[in-house]
Amino acid sequence: MIRVLIDFYKFLLIVDIILSYLPQYRHHPIVANIRRAADFTCAPVRRWLPKDLPFDFSPLIVIGVLIIVELLW
């Protein structure tokens, strides 16, 4: 059951990454909920990353940590 939740959250993060490149959907309520769910783990990681990076690498770091947790589980 935990692996299913981890896989679902990884999928949610990937959807958030894709939607961040589509500005026309930025104010849609479903996209706002996806962003809010993804920011739950990405926002703390963003605080540790340098501000001058050209891309937001926080979802990739979170996905990497989730993969490691899933492998250790």
N, C-alpha and C. Protein backbone atom coordinates (compact mmCIF):
# COMPACT_ATOMS: atom_id res chain seq x y z
N MET A 1 0.83 -1.20 0.00
CA MET A 1 0.00 0.00 0.00
C MET A 1 0.87 1.26 0.00
N ILE A 2 1.96 1.23 0.75
CA ILE A 2 2.82 2.42 0.81
C ILE A 2 3.50 2.65 -0.53
N ARG A 3 3.88 1.59 -1.21
CA ARG A 3 4.49 1.73 -2.53
C ARG A 3 3.53 2.37 -3.52
N VAL A 4 2.26 2.03 -3.42
CA VAL A 4 1.25 2.62 -4.30
C VAL A 4 1.15 4.13 -4.03
N LEU A 5 1.16 4.52 -2.77
CA LEU A 5 1.10 5.94 -2.43
C LEU A 5 2.34 6.69 -2.91
N ILE A 6 3.50 6.07 -2.76
CA ILE A 6 4.75 6.69 -3.23
C ILE A 6 4.72 6.83 -4.75
N ASP A 7 4.26 5.79 -5.45
CA ASP A 7 4.17 5.87 -6.90
C ASP A 7 3.16 6.94 -7.34
N PHE A 8 2.05 7.03 -6.63
CA PHE A 8 1.05 8.05 -6.95
C PHE A 8 1.63 9.45 -6.74
N TYR A 9 2.38 9.65 -5.67
CA TYR A 9 2.95 10.96 -5.40
C TYR A 9 4.04 11.30 -6.43
N LYS A 10 4.81 10.32 -6.86
CA LYS A 10 5.80 10.55 -7.92
C LYS A 10 5.09 10.96 -9.21
N PHE A 11 3.99 10.29 -9.52
CA PHE A 11 3.20 10.65 -10.69
C PHE A 11 2.66 12.07 -10.57
N LEU A 12 2.19 12.43 -9.38
CA LEU A 12 1.69 13.78 -9.14
C LEU A 12 2.78 14.83 -9.34
N LEU A 13 3.99 14.54 -8.90
CA LEU A 13 5.11 15.45 -9.10
C LEU A 13 5.45 15.60 -10.58
N ILE A 14 5.41 14.51 -11.33
CA ILE A 14 5.69 14.58 -12.76
C ILE A 14 4.61 15.39 -13.48
N VAL A 15 3.36 15.21 -13.10
CA VAL A 15 2.28 16.01 -13.68
C VAL A 15 2.48 17.48 -13.36
N ASP A 16 2.90 17.78 -12.14
CA ASP A 16 3.17 19.17 -11.76
C ASP A 16 4.30 19.77 -12.59
N ILE A 17 5.33 18.99 -12.85
CA ILE A 17 6.44 19.46 -13.69
C ILE A 17 5.94 19.79 -15.09
N ILE A 18 5.14 18.90 -15.65
CA ILE A 18 4.63 19.12 -17.00
C ILE A 18 3.70 20.34 -17.03
N LEU A 19 2.83 20.46 -16.05
CA LEU A 19 1.89 21.59 -16.02
C LEU A 19 2.58 22.93 -15.78
N SER A 20 3.75 22.91 -15.20
CA SER A 20 4.46 24.17 -14.97
C SER A 20 4.93 24.78 -16.29
N TYR A 21 5.03 23.98 -17.34
CA TYR A 21 5.41 24.49 -18.66
C TYR A 21 4.21 24.90 -19.51
N LEU A 22 3.02 24.78 -18.97
CA LEU A 22 1.80 25.16 -19.68
C LEU A 22 1.11 26.30 -18.93
N PRO A 23 1.49 27.54 -19.22
CA PRO A 23 0.98 28.66 -18.42
C PRO A 23 -0.52 28.91 -18.59
N GLN A 24 -1.14 28.43 -19.65
CA GLN A 24 -2.56 28.67 -19.85
C GLN A 24 -3.43 27.94 -18.82
N TYR A 25 -2.87 26.92 -18.17
CA TYR A 25 -3.61 26.17 -17.16
C TYR A 25 -3.24 26.55 -15.73
N ARG A 26 -2.47 27.59 -15.57
CA ARG A 26 -1.93 27.96 -14.26
C ARG A 26 -3.03 28.27 -13.24
N HIS A 27 -4.15 28.85 -13.67
CA HIS A 27 -5.19 29.28 -12.72
C HIS A 27 -6.36 28.31 -12.65
N HIS A 28 -6.23 27.16 -13.25
CA HIS A 28 -7.28 26.15 -13.18
C HIS A 28 -7.30 25.55 -11.77
N PRO A 29 -8.48 25.29 -11.20
CA PRO A 29 -8.55 24.79 -9.82
C PRO A 29 -7.86 23.43 -9.61
N ILE A 30 -7.95 22.54 -10.57
CA ILE A 30 -7.31 21.23 -10.42
C ILE A 30 -5.79 21.39 -10.42
N VAL A 31 -5.29 22.26 -11.28
CA VAL A 31 -3.85 22.51 -11.34
C VAL A 31 -3.38 23.16 -10.04
N ALA A 32 -4.20 24.03 -9.48
CA ALA A 32 -3.84 24.65 -8.19
C ALA A 32 -3.76 23.61 -7.08
N ASN A 33 -4.66 22.63 -7.09
CA ASN A 33 -4.61 21.56 -6.09
C ASN A 33 -3.39 20.67 -6.28
N ILE A 34 -3.04 20.38 -7.54
CA ILE A 34 -1.85 19.59 -7.81
C ILE A 34 -0.62 20.34 -7.34
N ARG A 35 -0.56 21.64 -7.60
CA ARG A 35 0.57 22.47 -7.18
C ARG A 35 0.69 22.49 -5.65
N ARG A 36 -0.45 22.60 -4.98
CA ARG A 36 -0.45 22.63 -3.51
C ARG A 36 0.06 21.31 -2.94
N ALA A 37 -0.35 20.19 -3.54
CA ALA A 37 0.09 18.88 -3.07
C ALA A 37 1.58 18.68 -3.34
N ALA A 38 2.06 19.16 -4.48
CA ALA A 38 3.47 19.00 -4.81
C ALA A 38 4.34 19.93 -3.96
N ASP A 39 3.84 21.10 -3.64
CA ASP A 39 4.62 22.04 -2.83
C ASP A 39 4.78 21.58 -1.39
N PHE A 40 3.98 20.61 -0.98
CA PHE A 40 4.10 20.08 0.38
C PHE A 40 5.51 19.56 0.64
N THR A 41 6.12 18.90 -0.35
CA THR A 41 7.47 18.39 -0.18
C THR A 41 8.51 19.21 -0.94
N CYS A 42 8.11 19.88 -2.00
CA CYS A 42 9.08 20.62 -2.82
C CYS A 42 9.49 21.95 -2.18
N ALA A 43 8.59 22.59 -1.46
CA ALA A 43 8.91 23.90 -0.87
C ALA A 43 10.06 23.83 0.13
N PRO A 44 10.12 22.84 1.02
CA PRO A 44 11.29 22.77 1.92
C PRO A 44 12.60 22.53 1.17
N VAL A 45 12.54 21.76 0.08
CA VAL A 45 13.75 21.50 -0.70
C VAL A 45 14.19 22.77 -1.42
N ARG A 46 13.22 23.55 -1.91
CA ARG A 46 13.55 24.81 -2.60
C ARG A 46 14.30 25.78 -1.70
N ARG A 47 13.99 25.76 -0.41
CA ARG A 47 14.68 26.67 0.52
C ARG A 47 16.16 26.34 0.63
N TRP A 48 16.52 25.08 0.43
CA TRP A 48 17.93 24.66 0.55
C TRP A 48 18.71 24.85 -0.75
N LEU A 49 18.01 24.94 -1.87
CA LEU A 49 18.68 25.08 -3.16
C LEU A 49 19.08 26.54 -3.40
N PRO A 50 20.14 26.79 -4.16
CA PRO A 50 20.50 28.17 -4.50
C PRO A 50 19.41 28.83 -5.33
N LYS A 51 19.25 30.12 -5.16
CA LYS A 51 18.18 30.85 -5.85
C LYS A 51 18.48 31.10 -7.32
N ASP A 52 19.75 31.01 -7.73
CA ASP A 52 20.11 31.38 -9.10
C ASP A 52 20.17 30.19 -10.06
N LEU A 53 19.54 29.08 -9.71
CA LEU A 53 19.50 27.93 -10.62
C LEU A 53 18.54 28.24 -11.78
N PRO A 54 18.87 27.79 -12.99
CA PRO A 54 18.00 28.10 -14.13
C PRO A 54 16.68 27.33 -14.12
N PHE A 55 16.63 26.18 -13.46
CA PHE A 55 15.42 25.37 -13.39
C PHE A 55 15.14 25.01 -11.93
N ASP A 56 13.90 24.62 -11.68
CA ASP A 56 13.52 24.17 -10.35
C ASP A 56 13.80 22.66 -10.26
N PHE A 57 14.86 22.32 -9.55
CA PHE A 57 15.26 20.93 -9.42
C PHE A 57 14.64 20.24 -8.20
N SER A 58 13.83 20.94 -7.43
CA SER A 58 13.28 20.35 -6.22
C SER A 58 12.38 19.14 -6.48
N PRO A 59 11.52 19.13 -7.52
CA PRO A 59 10.74 17.90 -7.74
C PRO A 59 11.63 16.70 -8.09
N LEU A 60 12.70 16.93 -8.81
CA LEU A 60 13.60 15.83 -9.15
C LEU A 60 14.30 15.29 -7.91
N ILE A 61 14.65 16.17 -6.99
CA ILE A 61 15.29 15.73 -5.75
C ILE A 61 14.30 14.94 -4.91
N VAL A 62 13.06 15.42 -4.84
CA VAL A 62 12.03 14.72 -4.06
C VAL A 62 11.75 13.35 -4.68
N ILE A 63 11.67 13.27 -6.00
CA ILE A 63 11.45 11.99 -6.66
C ILE A 63 12.61 11.05 -6.37
N GLY A 64 13.83 11.56 -6.41
CA GLY A 64 15.00 10.74 -6.08
C GLY A 64 14.94 10.20 -4.67
N VAL A 65 14.55 11.04 -3.72
CA VAL A 65 14.43 10.59 -2.32
C VAL A 65 13.32 9.55 -2.19
N LEU A 66 12.21 9.76 -2.91
CA LEU A 66 11.13 8.79 -2.87
C LEU A 66 11.55 7.44 -3.46
N ILE A 67 12.35 7.47 -4.50
CA ILE A 67 12.86 6.22 -5.07
C ILE A 67 13.75 5.50 -4.08
N ILE A 68 14.60 6.25 -3.38
CA ILE A 68 15.47 5.64 -2.37
C ILE A 68 14.65 5.06 -1.23
N VAL A 69 13.63 5.78 -0.78
CA VAL A 69 12.77 5.27 0.29
C VAL A 69 12.05 4.02 -0.18
N GLU A 70 11.60 4.03 -1.42
CA GLU A 70 10.89 2.86 -1.95
C GLU A 70 11.83 1.65 -2.06
N LEU A 71 13.06 1.88 -2.44
CA LEU A 71 14.02 0.77 -2.52
C LEU A 71 14.38 0.22 -1.13
N LEU A 72 14.42 1.09 -0.15
CA LEU A 72 14.75 0.65 1.21
C LEU A 72 13.56 -0.02 1.89
N TRP A 73 12.36 0.27 1.43
CA TRP A 73 11.16 -0.27 2.05
C TRP A 73 11.11 -1.71 1.71
